[in-house]
Structures are given as C-alpha cells and as structure tokens.
C-alpha atoms as a PDB file:
ATOM      1  CA  MET A   1     -20.438  33.503   1.111  1.00  0.00           C
ATOM      2  CA  ARG A   2     -21.689  30.908  -1.432  1.00  0.00           C
ATOM      3  CA  GLY A   3     -19.210  29.607  -4.317  1.00  0.00           C
ATOM      4  CA  SER A   4     -19.292  30.368  -7.540  1.00  0.00           C
ATOM      5  CA  ASP A   5     -20.023  26.850  -8.242  1.00  0.00           C
ATOM      6  CA  GLU A   6     -22.785  26.156  -6.115  1.00  0.00           C
ATOM      7  CA  PHE A   7     -26.653  26.880  -6.943  1.00  0.00           C
ATOM      8  CA  THR A   8     -29.228  28.238  -5.246  1.00  0.00           C
ATOM      9  CA  ASP A   9     -32.362  26.942  -4.343  1.00  0.00           C
ATOM     10  CA  GLU A  10     -34.024  28.417  -6.898  1.00  0.00           C
ATOM     11  CA  GLU A  11     -31.725  27.237  -9.551  1.00  0.00           C
ATOM     12  CA  MET A  12     -31.593  23.476  -8.338  1.00  0.00           C
ATOM     13  CA  ALA A  13     -35.540  23.778  -8.437  1.00  0.00           C
ATOM     14  CA  GLN A  14     -35.341  25.419 -12.095  1.00  0.00           C
ATOM     15  CA  ILE A  15     -32.470  22.228 -12.913  1.00  0.00           C
ATOM     16  CA  GLU A  16     -34.761  19.416 -11.819  1.00  0.00           C
ATOM     17  CA  ALA A  17     -37.760  20.720 -13.774  1.00  0.00           C
ATOM     18  CA  GLU A  18     -35.946  20.973 -16.697  1.00  0.00           C
ATOM     19  CA  THR A  19     -34.419  17.052 -16.143  1.00  0.00           C
ATOM     20  CA  ARG A  20     -37.683  15.888 -15.683  1.00  0.00           C
ATOM     21  CA  ALA A  21     -39.489  17.459 -18.703  1.00  0.00           C
ATOM     22  CA  LEU A  22     -36.757  16.275 -21.070  1.00  0.00           C
ATOM     23  CA  LEU A  23     -36.518  12.805 -19.051  1.00  0.00           C
ATOM     24  CA  ALA A  24     -40.800  12.745 -19.398  1.00  0.00           C
ATOM     25  CA  ARG A  25     -40.580  12.853 -23.201  1.00  0.00           C
ATOM     26  CA  TRP A  26     -38.362   9.636 -23.704  1.00  0.00           C
ATOM     27  CA  GLY A  27     -40.599   7.668 -21.345  1.00  0.00           C
ATOM     28  CA  GLU A  28     -39.207   8.575 -18.358  1.00  0.00           C
ATOM     29  CA  PRO A  29     -38.650   5.273 -16.134  1.00  0.00           C
ATOM     30  CA  GLN A  30     -42.334   5.219 -13.966  1.00  0.00           C
ATOM     31  CA  MET A  31     -41.076   4.419 -10.122  1.00  0.00           C
ATOM     32  CA  ALA A  32     -41.869   1.280  -8.640  1.00  0.00           C
ATOM     33  CA  PRO A  33     -42.093   0.035  -5.378  1.00  0.00           C
ATOM     34  CA  PRO A  34     -38.977  -2.364  -4.305  1.00  0.00           C
ATOM     35  CA  PRO A  35     -40.150  -5.872  -3.159  1.00  0.00           C
ATOM     36  CA  PRO A  36     -41.323  -6.661   0.143  1.00  0.00           C
ATOM     37  CA  ASP A  37     -38.536  -8.787   0.449  1.00  0.00           C
ATOM     38  CA  LEU A  38     -35.628  -7.421  -1.191  1.00  0.00           C
ATOM     39  CA  SER A  39     -33.215  -6.850   1.919  1.00  0.00           C
ATOM     40  CA  ALA A  40     -34.286 -10.285   3.415  1.00  0.00           C
ATOM     41  CA  ARG A  41     -32.771 -11.818   0.104  1.00  0.00           C
ATOM     42  CA  VAL A  42     -29.921  -9.403  -0.228  1.00  0.00           C
ATOM     43  CA  VAL A  43     -28.920 -10.747   3.684  1.00  0.00           C
ATOM     44  CA  ARG A  44     -29.272 -14.308   2.689  1.00  0.00           C
ATOM     45  CA  GLN A  45     -27.293 -14.565  -0.517  1.00  0.00           C
ATOM     46  CA  LEU A  46     -24.551 -12.026   1.447  1.00  0.00           C
ATOM     47  CA  SER A  47     -24.733 -14.698   4.338  1.00  0.00           C
ATOM     48  CA  GLY A  48     -23.158 -17.325   2.706  1.00  0.00           C
ATOM     49  CA  VAL A  49     -20.189 -15.036   0.579  1.00  0.00           C
ATOM     50  CA  THR A  50     -16.610 -15.138   2.775  1.00  0.00           C
ATOM     51  CA  PRO A  51     -14.377 -11.939   1.451  1.00  0.00           C
ATOM     52  CA  THR A  52     -11.398 -12.855  -0.201  1.00  0.00           C
ATOM     53  CA  PRO A  53      -8.474 -12.327   1.957  1.00  0.00           C
ATOM     54  CA  THR A  54      -6.075  -9.183   1.377  1.00  0.00           C
ATOM     55  CA  TYR A  55      -2.688  -9.785   2.743  1.00  0.00           C
ATOM     56  CA  ARG A  56      -1.378  -6.343   3.828  1.00  0.00           C
ATOM     57  CA  ARG A  57       1.516  -6.060   6.104  1.00  0.00           C
ATOM     58  CA  PRO A  58       1.468  -3.724   8.813  1.00  0.00           C
ATOM     59  CA  TRP A  59       3.383  -0.534   9.123  1.00  0.00           C
ATOM     60  CA  TRP A  60       5.239  -1.865  11.840  1.00  0.00           C
ATOM     61  CA  GLN A  61       7.356  -4.697  10.463  1.00  0.00           C
ATOM     62  CA  LEU A  62       8.710  -1.862   7.705  1.00  0.00           C
ATOM     63  CA  TRP A  63      10.537  -0.601  10.749  1.00  0.00           C
ATOM     64  CA  PRO A  64      14.132  -1.162   8.824  1.00  0.00           C
ATOM     65  CA  VAL A  65      13.595   0.495   5.641  1.00  0.00           C
ATOM     66  CA  LEU A  66      12.581   3.540   7.235  1.00  0.00           C
ATOM     67  CA  PRO A  67      16.391   4.550   8.217  1.00  0.00           C
ATOM     68  CA  LEU A  68      17.884   3.345   5.057  1.00  0.00           C
ATOM     69  CA  VAL A  69      15.383   5.763   3.700  1.00  0.00           C
ATOM     70  CA  LEU A  70      16.327   8.251   5.493  1.00  0.00           C
ATOM     71  CA  LEU A  71      20.074   8.076   5.405  1.00  0.00           C
ATOM     72  CA  ALA A  72      19.646   7.608   1.488  1.00  0.00           C
ATOM     73  CA  ILE A  73      17.743  11.090   1.559  1.00  0.00           C
ATOM     74  CA  GLY A  74      20.174  12.539   4.286  1.00  0.00           C
ATOM     75  CA  ALA A  75      23.167  11.500   2.021  1.00  0.00           C
ATOM     76  CA  TRP A  76      21.653  13.281  -1.110  1.00  0.00           C
ATOM     77  CA  GLY A  77      21.101  15.995   1.022  1.00  0.00           C
ATOM     78  CA  LEU A  78      24.598  15.968   2.306  1.00  0.00           C
ATOM     79  CA  TRP A  79      26.877  14.930  -0.226  1.00  0.00           C
ATOM     80  CA  ILE A  80      25.149  15.550  -3.499  1.00  0.00           C
ATOM     81  CA  ASP A  81      22.594  18.477  -3.203  1.00  0.00           C
ATOM     82  CA  SER A  82      21.590  20.498  -0.107  1.00  0.00           C
ATOM     83  CA  THR A  83      17.984  21.768  -2.623  1.00  0.00           C
ATOM     84  CA  GLY A  84      17.563  17.888  -3.293  1.00  0.00           C
ATOM     85  CA  PRO A  85      15.830  16.461  -0.150  1.00  0.00           C
ATOM     86  CA  ALA A  86      13.442  19.969  -0.310  1.00  0.00           C
ATOM     87  CA  LEU A  87      12.360  19.148  -3.708  1.00  0.00           C
ATOM     88  CA  LEU A  88      10.811  16.185  -2.564  1.00  0.00           C
ATOM     89  CA  VAL A  89       7.944  18.146  -1.012  1.00  0.00           C
ATOM     90  CA  GLY A  90       7.484  20.660  -2.869  1.00  0.00           C
ATOM     91  CA  GLY A  91      11.021  22.594  -3.202  1.00  0.00           C
ATOM     92  CA  LEU A  92      11.931  25.776  -1.407  1.00  0.00           C
ATOM     93  CA  GLU A  93       8.536  27.357  -2.107  1.00  0.00           C
ATOM     94  CA  THR A  94       6.832  25.022   0.888  1.00  0.00           C
ATOM     95  CA  ASP A  95       7.647  25.306   4.665  1.00  0.00           C
ATOM     96  CA  THR A  96       8.324  21.481   5.234  1.00  0.00           C
ATOM     97  CA  GLY A  97      10.833  22.349   2.234  1.00  0.00           C
ATOM     98  CA  ARG A  98      12.709  24.817   3.858  1.00  0.00           C
ATOM     99  CA  LEU A  99      12.649  22.988   6.514  1.00  0.00           C
ATOM    100  CA  LEU A 100      14.702  20.355   5.164  1.00  0.00           C
ATOM    101  CA  VAL A 101      17.133  22.430   3.981  1.00  0.00           C
ATOM    102  CA  THR A 102      18.409  24.296   7.055  1.00  0.00           C
ATOM    103  CA  LEU A 103      18.379  20.754   8.691  1.00  0.00           C
ATOM    104  CA  THR A 104      20.807  19.624   5.716  1.00  0.00           C
ATOM    105  CA  LEU A 105      22.872  23.021   5.659  1.00  0.00           C
ATOM    106  CA  ILE A 106      22.786  22.124  10.066  1.00  0.00           C
ATOM    107  CA  ALA A 107      23.867  18.780   9.602  1.00  0.00           C
ATOM    108  CA  LYS A 108      26.855  19.299   6.832  1.00  0.00           C
ATOM    109  CA  PRO A 109      29.303  20.839   9.174  1.00  0.00           C
ATOM    110  CA  ILE A 110      28.320  18.228  11.762  1.00  0.00           C
ATOM    111  CA  TRP A 111      29.011  15.444   9.537  1.00  0.00           C
ATOM    112  CA  ASN A 112      32.085  16.808   8.245  1.00  0.00           C
ATOM    113  CA  LEU A 113      33.064  17.280  11.932  1.00  0.00           C
ATOM    114  CA  TRP A 114      32.421  14.034  12.266  1.00  0.00           C
ATOM    115  CA  PHE A 115      33.940  12.174   9.839  1.00  0.00           C
ATOM    116  CA  ALA A 116      37.515  13.749  10.411  1.00  0.00           C
ATOM    117  CA  THR A 117      37.582  13.170  13.460  1.00  0.00           C
ATOM    118  CA  ALA A 118      35.658  10.112  14.612  1.00  0.00           C
ATOM    119  CA  TRP A 119      35.341   8.317  10.854  1.00  0.00           C
ATOM    120  CA  TRP A 120      36.851   5.183  12.808  1.00  0.00           C
ATOM    121  CA  LEU A 121      33.057   4.866  14.473  1.00  0.00           C
ATOM    122  CA  ILE A 122      31.163   4.038  11.632  1.00  0.00           C
ATOM    123  CA  PRO A 123      32.452   0.376  11.406  1.00  0.00           C
ATOM    124  CA  SER A 124      31.114   0.183  15.258  1.00  0.00           C
ATOM    125  CA  LEU A 125      27.702   2.027  14.225  1.00  0.00           C
ATOM    126  CA  PHE A 126      26.661  -0.836  11.920  1.00  0.00           C
ATOM    127  CA  LEU A 127      27.632  -3.172  14.546  1.00  0.00           C
ATOM    128  CA  LEU A 128      25.188  -1.808  17.133  1.00  0.00           C
ATOM    129  CA  ILE A 129      22.729  -1.867  14.307  1.00  0.00           C
ATOM    130  CA  GLY A 130      23.335  -5.305  13.775  1.00  0.00           C
ATOM    131  CA  GLY A 131      23.331  -6.262  17.349  1.00  0.00           C
ATOM    132  CA  GLY A 132      20.176  -4.797  18.104  1.00  0.00           C
ATOM    133  CA  TRP A 133      18.393  -6.757  14.915  1.00  0.00           C
ATOM    134  CA  LEU A 134      20.072  -9.981  16.355  1.00  0.00           C
ATOM    135  CA  TRP A 135      18.748  -9.787  20.066  1.00  0.00           C
ATOM    136  CA  ARG A 136      15.470  -8.938  18.918  1.00  0.00           C
ATOM    137  CA  LYS A 137      15.403 -11.933  16.677  1.00  0.00           C
ATOM    138  CA  LEU A 138      16.712 -14.032  19.240  1.00  0.00           C
ATOM    139  CA  ILE A 139      15.011 -12.475  22.020  1.00  0.00           C
ATOM    140  CA  ILE A 140      12.131 -10.495  21.840  1.00  0.00           C
ATOM    141  CA  ASP A 141      10.344 -12.981  18.831  1.00  0.00           C
ATOM    142  CA  ALA A 142      11.678 -16.116  20.679  1.00  0.00           C
ATOM    143  CA  PRO A 143       8.625 -17.948  22.726  1.00  0.00           C
ATOM    144  CA  LEU A 144       7.947 -17.894  25.989  1.00  0.00           C
ATOM    145  CA  ALA A 145       8.237 -21.099  28.332  1.00  0.00           C
ATOM    146  CA  GLU A 146       4.899 -22.743  28.100  1.00  0.00           C
ATOM    147  CA  VAL A 147       3.258 -23.245  31.432  1.00  0.00           C
ATOM    148  CA  GLU A 148       1.279 -26.047  32.490  1.00  0.00           C
END
C-alpha cells in the first residue's frame, strides 16, 4: 500500500524531467570526470590525520548513580505524588506509566509497614551499602601481586 507522501515511478520521472529543465535554463553544471588519482590523494591526506580523542565515561562506571535516581523517583512516588514517576514516561495513558503507578501503589503499604516496624534498620542498610563500596574499592580494585 502506497502512503500519501510517496511518489510513483511516473511522478518521479516527471519531477526529475522538470528539475533538469529548470537547471538547464541556468546552465546546469556539466559532469566532469573525477581525477584518476582522487582516492589515492584522499587516503594519503587522511593517513597523517589523527582523530581528536574524546573522553567518554563507560556507562558501567555510573552504577552508584542508578540506585540514587531510583531511590529519588521511588520516594517521589511514595511520599509526594503516586502519579509523579508515571508522568516521566508519558503519564497514565502509556503502559509504562500505568506499570509505574501500579508498582508505586503496591510499594506504599510495604514501605509503610517497614517504616512502622523496622525503621531502625535504615542505618544498617546504609552501612551495608557503604561496606560494599569500601570492599570494592579495597579488594576488587587493588592490583594483583606481580608474578616474576
């Protein structure tokens, strides 16, 4: 099925003929053969050029930011406005928005129960996250012993 913005082959031929007629009035540029060593000259000029280095941080190095973003969006949905996170992805009209509202509404009673009974575990959660970060910095990122 042909869309309304597509031309048929006959229409394209007619448009091309009209364009060539317009260009011929102003002395359409004549095609000239390219120089015989054009590609060799281009390659010679490119071989001495070094690209400028651009610093791009690998995406996996941003892993500490993701939990904070999720925590901020979750807190916004739990304590401020349940539909707030859904508005980031198109509102309640989209499936993703409805999913986020559903997850927020499911999480509200769980978080309220946890804060009512186990609020004292929050510092231990931060200690656990900090301990994991410290372990990674000290153990995982440490260079291995050199073997001679």
